[in-house]
Amino acid sequence: MGDTQEFYYEPDEGEQLSTAVVTAIAKAHDEGAIDQKWLISDDINTDALDGLFQERNLKMTLQFEADTTTATITADTSGNPIIKIESHR
């Protein structure tokens, strides 16, 4: 296993959180979102994930392991999610 590298991703307005996580993990691994072999639905309930920050006014942190990464989602001061990916490849 290689060194841990950090990558941050801020979803665009209206971008589903599950899509943003897939994009962030792909970018952290220097892959295209469609080209990666990992499927978010294998590890995460995407409907539940999308609903967590839907109102964009929550103050929370969510962390989970996915595709040799640690994904941490926090809300900024406006309640918008920021995704931190720690790649363990």
PDB file of N, CA and C in Angstrom:
ATOM      1  N   MET A   1       0.847  -1.174   0.000  1.00  0.00           N
ATOM      2  CA  MET A   1       0.000   0.000   0.000  1.00  0.00           C
ATOM      3  C   MET A   1       0.887   1.230   0.000  1.00  0.00           C
ATOM      4  N   GLY A   2       0.566   2.243  -0.787  1.00  0.00           N
ATOM      5  CA  GLY A   2       1.378   3.439  -0.918  1.00  0.00           C
ATOM      6  C   GLY A   2       1.093   4.441   0.177  1.00  0.00           C
ATOM      7  N   ASP A   3       1.709   5.602   0.028  1.00  0.00           N
ATOM      8  CA  ASP A   3       1.497   6.688   0.971  1.00  0.00           C
ATOM      9  C   ASP A   3       0.077   7.227   0.856  1.00  0.00           C
ATOM     10  N   THR A   4      -0.413   7.774   1.952  1.00  0.00           N
ATOM     11  CA  THR A   4      -1.731   8.400   1.947  1.00  0.00           C
ATOM     12  C   THR A   4      -1.621   9.793   1.352  1.00  0.00           C
ATOM     13  N   GLN A   5      -2.503  10.102   0.395  1.00  0.00           N
ATOM     14  CA  GLN A   5      -2.562  11.417  -0.208  1.00  0.00           C
ATOM     15  C   GLN A   5      -3.955  11.985   0.009  1.00  0.00           C
ATOM     16  N   GLU A   6      -4.040  13.288   0.281  1.00  0.00           N
ATOM     17  CA  GLU A   6      -5.319  13.947   0.513  1.00  0.00           C
ATOM     18  C   GLU A   6      -5.771  14.719  -0.714  1.00  0.00           C
ATOM     19  N   PHE A   7      -7.071  14.714  -0.930  1.00  0.00           N
ATOM     20  CA  PHE A   7      -7.681  15.421  -2.047  1.00  0.00           C
ATOM     21  C   PHE A   7      -9.000  16.005  -1.554  1.00  0.00           C
ATOM     22  N   TYR A   8      -9.278  17.255  -1.901  1.00  0.00           N
ATOM     23  CA  TYR A   8     -10.532  17.902  -1.507  1.00  0.00           C
ATOM     24  C   TYR A   8     -11.394  18.175  -2.736  1.00  0.00           C
ATOM     25  N   TYR A   9     -12.692  18.048  -2.559  1.00  0.00           N
ATOM     26  CA  TYR A   9     -13.632  18.278  -3.655  1.00  0.00           C
ATOM     27  C   TYR A   9     -14.869  18.972  -3.086  1.00  0.00           C
ATOM     28  N   GLU A  10     -15.273  20.058  -3.715  1.00  0.00           N
ATOM     29  CA  GLU A  10     -16.504  20.751  -3.330  1.00  0.00           C
ATOM     30  C   GLU A  10     -17.526  20.543  -4.437  1.00  0.00           C
ATOM     31  N   PRO A  11     -18.638  19.886  -4.124  1.00  0.00           N
ATOM     32  CA  PRO A  11     -19.659  19.627  -5.150  1.00  0.00           C
ATOM     33  C   PRO A  11     -20.228  20.920  -5.727  1.00  0.00           C
ATOM     34  N   ASP A  12     -20.563  20.856  -7.003  1.00  0.00           N
ATOM     35  CA  ASP A  12     -21.225  21.972  -7.655  1.00  0.00           C
ATOM     36  C   ASP A  12     -22.642  22.106  -7.110  1.00  0.00           C
ATOM     37  N   GLU A  13     -23.191  23.291  -7.209  1.00  0.00           N
ATOM     38  CA  GLU A  13     -24.586  23.526  -6.796  1.00  0.00           C
ATOM     39  C   GLU A  13     -25.494  22.554  -7.547  1.00  0.00           C
ATOM     40  N   GLY A  14     -26.309  21.830  -6.829  1.00  0.00           N
ATOM     41  CA  GLY A  14     -27.249  20.895  -7.443  1.00  0.00           C
ATOM     42  C   GLY A  14     -26.674  19.510  -7.727  1.00  0.00           C
ATOM     43  N   GLU A  15     -25.366  19.323  -7.545  1.00  0.00           N
ATOM     44  CA  GLU A  15     -24.749  18.011  -7.777  1.00  0.00           C
ATOM     45  C   GLU A  15     -25.110  17.074  -6.629  1.00  0.00           C
ATOM     46  N   GLN A  16     -25.602  15.897  -6.953  1.00  0.00           N
ATOM     47  CA  GLN A  16     -25.936  14.911  -5.923  1.00  0.00           C
ATOM     48  C   GLN A  16     -24.670  14.548  -5.158  1.00  0.00           C
ATOM     49  N   LEU A  17     -24.788  14.360  -3.856  1.00  0.00           N
ATOM     50  CA  LEU A  17     -23.627  14.053  -3.036  1.00  0.00           C
ATOM     51  C   LEU A  17     -22.996  12.723  -3.445  1.00  0.00           C
ATOM     52  N   SER A  18     -23.807  11.746  -3.785  1.00  0.00           N
ATOM     53  CA  SER A  18     -23.249  10.451  -4.203  1.00  0.00           C
ATOM     54  C   SER A  18     -22.423  10.602  -5.477  1.00  0.00           C
ATOM     55  N   THR A  19     -22.881  11.412  -6.414  1.00  0.00           N
ATOM     56  CA  THR A  19     -22.126  11.678  -7.644  1.00  0.00           C
ATOM     57  C   THR A  19     -20.828  12.403  -7.307  1.00  0.00           C
ATOM     58  N   ALA A  20     -20.895  13.340  -6.385  1.00  0.00           N
ATOM     59  CA  ALA A  20     -19.709  14.085  -5.986  1.00  0.00           C
ATOM     60  C   ALA A  20     -18.670  13.166  -5.340  1.00  0.00           C
ATOM     61  N   VAL A  21     -19.101  12.222  -4.520  1.00  0.00           N
ATOM     62  CA  VAL A  21     -18.177  11.281  -3.891  1.00  0.00           C
ATOM     63  C   VAL A  21     -17.501  10.418  -4.950  1.00  0.00           C
ATOM     64  N   VAL A  22     -18.263   9.917  -5.905  1.00  0.00           N
ATOM     65  CA  VAL A  22     -17.688   9.113  -6.993  1.00  0.00           C
ATOM     66  C   VAL A  22     -16.658   9.937  -7.765  1.00  0.00           C
ATOM     67  N   THR A  23     -17.002  11.170  -8.078  1.00  0.00           N
ATOM     68  CA  THR A  23     -16.090  12.052  -8.805  1.00  0.00           C
ATOM     69  C   THR A  23     -14.830  12.336  -7.996  1.00  0.00           C
ATOM     70  N   ALA A  24     -14.996  12.618  -6.712  1.00  0.00           N
ATOM     71  CA  ALA A  24     -13.851  12.921  -5.845  1.00  0.00           C
ATOM     72  C   ALA A  24     -12.902  11.739  -5.738  1.00  0.00           C
ATOM     73  N   ILE A  25     -13.440  10.542  -5.568  1.00  0.00           N
ATOM     74  CA  ILE A  25     -12.590   9.354  -5.466  1.00  0.00           C
ATOM     75  C   ILE A  25     -11.881   9.094  -6.786  1.00  0.00           C
ATOM     76  N   ALA A  26     -12.579   9.251  -7.891  1.00  0.00           N
ATOM     77  CA  ALA A  26     -11.954   9.060  -9.200  1.00  0.00           C
ATOM     78  C   ALA A  26     -10.819  10.071  -9.408  1.00  0.00           C
ATOM     79  N   LYS A  27     -11.058  11.328  -9.076  1.00  0.00           N
ATOM     80  CA  LYS A  27     -10.017  12.353  -9.248  1.00  0.00           C
ATOM     81  C   LYS A  27      -8.836  12.091  -8.327  1.00  0.00           C
ATOM     82  N   ALA A  28      -9.100  11.642  -7.110  1.00  0.00           N
ATOM     83  CA  ALA A  28      -8.017  11.336  -6.173  1.00  0.00           C
ATOM     84  C   ALA A  28      -7.140  10.207  -6.698  1.00  0.00           C
ATOM     85  N   HIS A  29      -7.731   9.310  -7.477  1.00  0.00           N
ATOM     86  CA  HIS A  29      -6.986   8.188  -8.054  1.00  0.00           C
ATOM     87  C   HIS A  29      -6.545   8.457  -9.485  1.00  0.00           C
ATOM     88  N   ASP A  30      -6.752   9.693  -9.941  1.00  0.00           N
ATOM     89  CA  ASP A  30      -6.384  10.085 -11.305  1.00  0.00           C
ATOM     90  C   ASP A  30      -7.058   9.176 -12.337  1.00  0.00           C
ATOM     91  N   GLU A  31      -8.338   8.936 -12.117  1.00  0.00           N
ATOM     92  CA  GLU A  31      -9.153   8.106 -13.005  1.00  0.00           C
ATOM     93  C   GLU A  31     -10.390   8.893 -13.424  1.00  0.00           C
ATOM     94  N   GLY A  32     -11.018   8.465 -14.489  1.00  0.00           N
ATOM     95  CA  GLY A  32     -12.308   9.010 -14.868  1.00  0.00           C
ATOM     96  C   GLY A  32     -13.389   8.366 -14.024  1.00  0.00           C
ATOM     97  N   ALA A  33     -14.435   9.112 -13.698  1.00  0.00           N
ATOM     98  CA  ALA A  33     -15.510   8.570 -12.856  1.00  0.00           C
ATOM     99  C   ALA A  33     -16.147   7.339 -13.480  1.00  0.00           C
ATOM    100  N   ILE A  34     -16.281   7.324 -14.790  1.00  0.00           N
ATOM    101  CA  ILE A  34     -16.900   6.185 -15.470  1.00  0.00           C
ATOM    102  C   ILE A  34     -15.915   5.034 -15.632  1.00  0.00           C
ATOM    103  N   ASP A  35     -14.619   5.342 -15.676  1.00  0.00           N
ATOM    104  CA  ASP A  35     -13.599   4.316 -15.900  1.00  0.00           C
ATOM    105  C   ASP A  35     -13.252   3.501 -14.669  1.00  0.00           C
ATOM    106  N   GLN A  36     -13.553   4.012 -13.483  1.00  0.00           N
ATOM    107  CA  GLN A  36     -13.155   3.276 -12.284  1.00  0.00           C
ATOM    108  C   GLN A  36     -14.003   2.023 -12.094  1.00  0.00           C
ATOM    109  N   LYS A  37     -13.412   1.016 -11.484  1.00  0.00           N
ATOM    110  CA  LYS A  37     -14.091  -0.267 -11.285  1.00  0.00           C
ATOM    111  C   LYS A  37     -14.994  -0.264 -10.052  1.00  0.00           C
ATOM    112  N   TRP A  38     -14.702   0.634  -9.103  1.00  0.00           N
ATOM    113  CA  TRP A  38     -15.480   0.690  -7.871  1.00  0.00           C
ATOM    114  C   TRP A  38     -16.860   1.278  -8.146  1.00  0.00           C
ATOM    115  N   LEU A  39     -17.876   0.663  -7.571  1.00  0.00           N
ATOM    116  CA  LEU A  39     -19.250   1.164  -7.662  1.00  0.00           C
ATOM    117  C   LEU A  39     -19.687   1.613  -6.273  1.00  0.00           C
ATOM    118  N   ILE A  40     -20.113   2.847  -6.157  1.00  0.00           N
ATOM    119  CA  ILE A  40     -20.514   3.387  -4.860  1.00  0.00           C
ATOM    120  C   ILE A  40     -21.622   2.554  -4.233  1.00  0.00           C
ATOM    121  N   SER A  41     -22.510   2.038  -5.045  1.00  0.00           N
ATOM    122  CA  SER A  41     -23.646   1.272  -4.518  1.00  0.00           C
ATOM    123  C   SER A  41     -23.218  -0.039  -3.866  1.00  0.00           C
ATOM    124  N   ASP A  42     -21.974  -0.473  -4.087  1.00  0.00           N
ATOM    125  CA  ASP A  42     -21.467  -1.665  -3.405  1.00  0.00           C
ATOM    126  C   ASP A  42     -21.191  -1.392  -1.929  1.00  0.00           C
ATOM    127  N   ASP A  43     -20.955  -0.125  -1.577  1.00  0.00           N
ATOM    128  CA  ASP A  43     -20.560   0.232  -0.216  1.00  0.00           C
ATOM    129  C   ASP A  43     -21.520   1.173   0.495  1.00  0.00           C
ATOM    130  N   ILE A  44     -22.256   1.974  -0.255  1.00  0.00           N
ATOM    131  CA  ILE A  44     -23.040   3.068   0.335  1.00  0.00           C
ATOM    132  C   ILE A  44     -24.460   3.062  -0.219  1.00  0.00           C
ATOM    133  N   ASN A  45     -25.429   3.366   0.643  1.00  0.00           N
ATOM    134  CA  ASN A  45     -26.792   3.597   0.196  1.00  0.00           C
ATOM    135  C   ASN A  45     -26.835   5.016  -0.365  1.00  0.00           C
ATOM    136  N   THR A  46     -26.859   5.145  -1.678  1.00  0.00           N
ATOM    137  CA  THR A  46     -26.744   6.459  -2.314  1.00  0.00           C
ATOM    138  C   THR A  46     -27.930   7.376  -2.003  1.00  0.00           C
ATOM    139  N   ASP A  47     -29.129   6.818  -1.886  1.00  0.00           N
ATOM    140  CA  ASP A  47     -30.291   7.651  -1.550  1.00  0.00           C
ATOM    141  C   ASP A  47     -30.130   8.278  -0.168  1.00  0.00           C
ATOM    142  N   ALA A  48     -29.652   7.478   0.780  1.00  0.00           N
ATOM    143  CA  ALA A  48     -29.440   7.993   2.131  1.00  0.00           C
ATOM    144  C   ALA A  48     -28.337   9.054   2.136  1.00  0.00           C
ATOM    145  N   LEU A  49     -27.251   8.802   1.414  1.00  0.00           N
ATOM    146  CA  LEU A  49     -26.156   9.767   1.338  1.00  0.00           C
ATOM    147  C   LEU A  49     -26.624  11.081   0.724  1.00  0.00           C
ATOM    148  N   ASP A  50     -27.361  11.005  -0.371  1.00  0.00           N
ATOM    149  CA  ASP A  50     -27.862  12.217  -1.028  1.00  0.00           C
ATOM    150  C   ASP A  50     -28.781  13.012  -0.112  1.00  0.00           C
ATOM    151  N   GLY A  51     -29.538  12.338   0.724  1.00  0.00           N
ATOM    152  CA  GLY A  51     -30.477  13.007   1.612  1.00  0.00           C
ATOM    153  C   GLY A  51     -29.832  13.701   2.799  1.00  0.00           C
ATOM    154  N   LEU A  52     -28.627  13.287   3.180  1.00  0.00           N
ATOM    155  CA  LEU A  52     -28.005  13.839   4.384  1.00  0.00           C
ATOM    156  C   LEU A  52     -27.753  15.338   4.311  1.00  0.00           C
ATOM    157  N   PHE A  53     -27.252  15.820   3.207  1.00  0.00           N
ATOM    158  CA  PHE A  53     -26.912  17.225   3.079  1.00  0.00           C
ATOM    159  C   PHE A  53     -27.894  17.960   2.172  1.00  0.00           C
ATOM    160  N   GLN A  54     -29.049  17.366   1.953  1.00  0.00           N
ATOM    161  CA  GLN A  54     -30.017  17.913   1.017  1.00  0.00           C
ATOM    162  C   GLN A  54     -30.452  19.334   1.375  1.00  0.00           C
ATOM    163  N   GLU A  55     -30.663  19.584   2.621  1.00  0.00           N
ATOM    164  CA  GLU A  55     -31.107  20.918   3.048  1.00  0.00           C
ATOM    165  C   GLU A  55     -29.951  21.906   3.127  1.00  0.00           C
ATOM    166  N   ARG A  56     -28.735  21.419   3.052  1.00  0.00           N
ATOM    167  CA  ARG A  56     -27.522  22.249   3.089  1.00  0.00           C
ATOM    168  C   ARG A  56     -27.485  23.174   4.304  1.00  0.00           C
ATOM    169  N   ASN A  57     -28.029  22.697   5.407  1.00  0.00           N
ATOM    170  CA  ASN A  57     -27.945  23.503   6.620  1.00  0.00           C
ATOM    171  C   ASN A  57     -27.541  22.652   7.817  1.00  0.00           C
ATOM    172  N   LEU A  58     -27.022  21.480   7.561  1.00  0.00           N
ATOM    173  CA  LEU A  58     -26.605  20.589   8.631  1.00  0.00           C
ATOM    174  C   LEU A  58     -25.167  20.873   9.023  1.00  0.00           C
ATOM    175  N   LYS A  59     -24.874  20.700  10.256  1.00  0.00           N
ATOM    176  CA  LYS A  59     -23.504  20.814  10.757  1.00  0.00           C
ATOM    177  C   LYS A  59     -23.106  19.416  11.208  1.00  0.00           C
ATOM    178  N   MET A  60     -22.459  18.678  10.323  1.00  0.00           N
ATOM    179  CA  MET A  60     -22.137  17.295  10.636  1.00  0.00           C
ATOM    180  C   MET A  60     -20.884  16.864   9.905  1.00  0.00           C
ATOM    181  N   THR A  61     -20.371  15.696  10.302  1.00  0.00           N
ATOM    182  CA  THR A  61     -19.268  15.045   9.617  1.00  0.00           C
ATOM    183  C   THR A  61     -19.650  13.589   9.422  1.00  0.00           C
ATOM    184  N   LEU A  62     -19.375  13.082   8.222  1.00  0.00           N
ATOM    185  CA  LEU A  62     -19.625  11.686   7.890  1.00  0.00           C
ATOM    186  C   LEU A  62     -18.331  11.120   7.334  1.00  0.00           C
ATOM    187  N   GLN A  63     -17.922   9.951   7.835  1.00  0.00           N
ATOM    188  CA  GLN A  63     -16.694   9.329   7.347  1.00  0.00           C
ATOM    189  C   GLN A  63     -16.952   7.862   7.044  1.00  0.00           C
ATOM    190  N   PHE A  64     -16.402   7.393   5.918  1.00  0.00           N
ATOM    191  CA  PHE A  64     -16.534   5.985   5.560  1.00  0.00           C
ATOM    192  C   PHE A  64     -15.358   5.566   4.686  1.00  0.00           C
ATOM    193  N   GLU A  65     -15.145   4.251   4.599  1.00  0.00           N
ATOM    194  CA  GLU A  65     -14.087   3.673   3.773  1.00  0.00           C
ATOM    195  C   GLU A  65     -14.704   3.239   2.449  1.00  0.00           C
ATOM    196  N   ALA A  66     -14.003   3.559   1.341  1.00  0.00           N
ATOM    197  CA  ALA A  66     -14.495   3.182   0.014  1.00  0.00           C
ATOM    198  C   ALA A  66     -13.336   3.164  -0.973  1.00  0.00           C
ATOM    199  N   ASP A  67     -13.186   2.090  -1.714  1.00  0.00           N
ATOM    200  CA  ASP A  67     -12.210   1.970  -2.792  1.00  0.00           C
ATOM    201  C   ASP A  67     -10.818   2.446  -2.375  1.00  0.00           C
ATOM    202  N   THR A  68     -10.261   1.819  -1.371  1.00  0.00           N
ATOM    203  CA  THR A  68      -8.932   2.136  -0.820  1.00  0.00           C
ATOM    204  C   THR A  68      -8.790   3.600  -0.429  1.00  0.00           C
ATOM    205  N   THR A  69      -9.878   4.212   0.002  1.00  0.00           N
ATOM    206  CA  THR A  69      -9.841   5.592   0.479  1.00  0.00           C
ATOM    207  C   THR A  69     -10.606   5.711   1.786  1.00  0.00           C
ATOM    208  N   THR A  70     -10.340   6.788   2.474  1.00  0.00           N
ATOM    209  CA  THR A  70     -11.194   7.226   3.571  1.00  0.00           C
ATOM    210  C   THR A  70     -11.859   8.499   3.076  1.00  0.00           C
ATOM    211  N   ALA A  71     -13.171   8.476   2.981  1.00  0.00           N
ATOM    212  CA  ALA A  71     -13.937   9.631   2.528  1.00  0.00           C
ATOM    213  C   ALA A  71     -14.533  10.315   3.758  1.00  0.00           C
ATOM    214  N   THR A  72     -14.283  11.603   3.889  1.00  0.00           N
ATOM    215  CA  THR A  72     -14.828  12.390   4.988  1.00  0.00           C
ATOM    216  C   THR A  72     -15.610  13.544   4.388  1.00  0.00           C
ATOM    217  N   ILE A  73     -16.863  13.652   4.761  1.00  0.00           N
ATOM    218  CA  ILE A  73     -17.717  14.729   4.272  1.00  0.00           C
ATOM    219  C   ILE A  73     -18.085  15.601   5.460  1.00  0.00           C
ATOM    220  N   THR A  74     -17.774  16.878   5.344  1.00  0.00           N
ATOM    221  CA  THR A  74     -18.118  17.838   6.389  1.00  0.00           C
ATOM    222  C   THR A  74     -18.938  18.956   5.770  1.00  0.00           C
ATOM    223  N   ALA A  75     -19.669  19.643   6.595  1.00  0.00           N
ATOM    224  CA  ALA A  75     -20.435  20.797   6.129  1.00  0.00           C
ATOM    225  C   ALA A  75     -19.642  22.053   6.464  1.00  0.00           C
ATOM    226  N   ASP A  76     -19.552  22.977   5.494  1.00  0.00           N
ATOM    227  CA  ASP A  76     -18.890  24.241   5.773  1.00  0.00           C
ATOM    228  C   ASP A  76     -19.841  25.133   6.579  1.00  0.00           C
ATOM    229  N   THR A  77     -19.465  26.364   6.817  1.00  0.00           N
ATOM    230  CA  THR A  77     -20.275  27.256   7.651  1.00  0.00           C
ATOM    231  C   THR A  77     -21.638  27.560   7.046  1.00  0.00           C
ATOM    232  N   SER A  78     -21.771  27.362   5.735  1.00  0.00           N
ATOM    233  CA  SER A  78     -23.066  27.569   5.071  1.00  0.00           C
ATOM    234  C   SER A  78     -23.864  26.280   4.952  1.00  0.00           C
ATOM    235  N   GLY A  79     -23.312  25.175   5.438  1.00  0.00           N
ATOM    236  CA  GLY A  79     -23.995  23.894   5.354  1.00  0.00           C
ATOM    237  C   GLY A  79     -23.719  23.137   4.071  1.00  0.00           C
ATOM    238  N   ASN A  80     -22.829  23.638   3.232  1.00  0.00           N
ATOM    239  CA  ASN A  80     -22.491  22.957   1.980  1.00  0.00           C
ATOM    240  C   ASN A  80     -21.437  21.888   2.233  1.00  0.00           C
ATOM    241  N   PRO A  81     -21.585  20.723   1.612  1.00  0.00           N
ATOM    242  CA  PRO A  81     -20.636  19.639   1.865  1.00  0.00           C
ATOM    243  C   PRO A  81     -19.280  19.880   1.202  1.00  0.00           C
ATOM    244  N   ILE A  82     -18.235  19.487   1.907  1.00  0.00           N
ATOM    245  CA  ILE A  82     -16.876  19.451   1.384  1.00  0.00           C
ATOM    246  C   ILE A  82     -16.385  18.022   1.577  1.00  0.00           C
ATOM    247  N   ILE A  83     -15.868  17.436   0.517  1.00  0.00           N
ATOM    248  CA  ILE A  83     -15.438  16.045   0.544  1.00  0.00           C
ATOM    249  C   ILE A  83     -13.920  15.988   0.608  1.00  0.00           C
ATOM    250  N   LYS A  84     -13.407  15.277   1.589  1.00  0.00           N
ATOM    251  CA  LYS A  84     -11.964  15.040   1.713  1.00  0.00           C
ATOM    252  C   LYS A  84     -11.744  13.563   1.444  1.00  0.00           C
ATOM    253  N   ILE A  85     -10.866  13.272   0.505  1.00  0.00           N
ATOM    254  CA  ILE A  85     -10.526  11.896   0.183  1.00  0.00           C
ATOM    255  C   ILE A  85      -9.083  11.664   0.609  1.00  0.00           C
ATOM    256  N   GLU A  86      -8.856  10.630   1.388  1.00  0.00           N
ATOM    257  CA  GLU A  86      -7.510  10.179   1.716  1.00  0.00           C
ATOM    258  C   GLU A  86      -7.300   8.879   0.957  1.00  0.00           C
ATOM    259  N   SER A  87      -6.485   8.942  -0.086  1.00  0.00           N
ATOM    260  CA  SER A  87      -6.231   7.764  -0.909  1.00  0.00           C
ATOM    261  C   SER A  87      -5.117   6.948  -0.259  1.00  0.00           C
ATOM    262  N   HIS A  88      -5.349   5.646  -0.142  1.00  0.00           N
ATOM    263  CA  HIS A  88      -4.382   4.740   0.471  1.00  0.00           C
ATOM    264  C   HIS A  88      -3.716   3.851  -0.573  1.00  0.00           C
ATOM    265  N   ARG A  89      -3.738   4.277  -1.830  1.00  0.00           N
ATOM    266  CA  ARG A  89      -3.094   3.493  -2.885  1.00  0.00           C
ATOM    267  C   ARG A  89      -1.623   3.784  -2.925  1.00  0.00           C
TER     268      ARG A  89
END
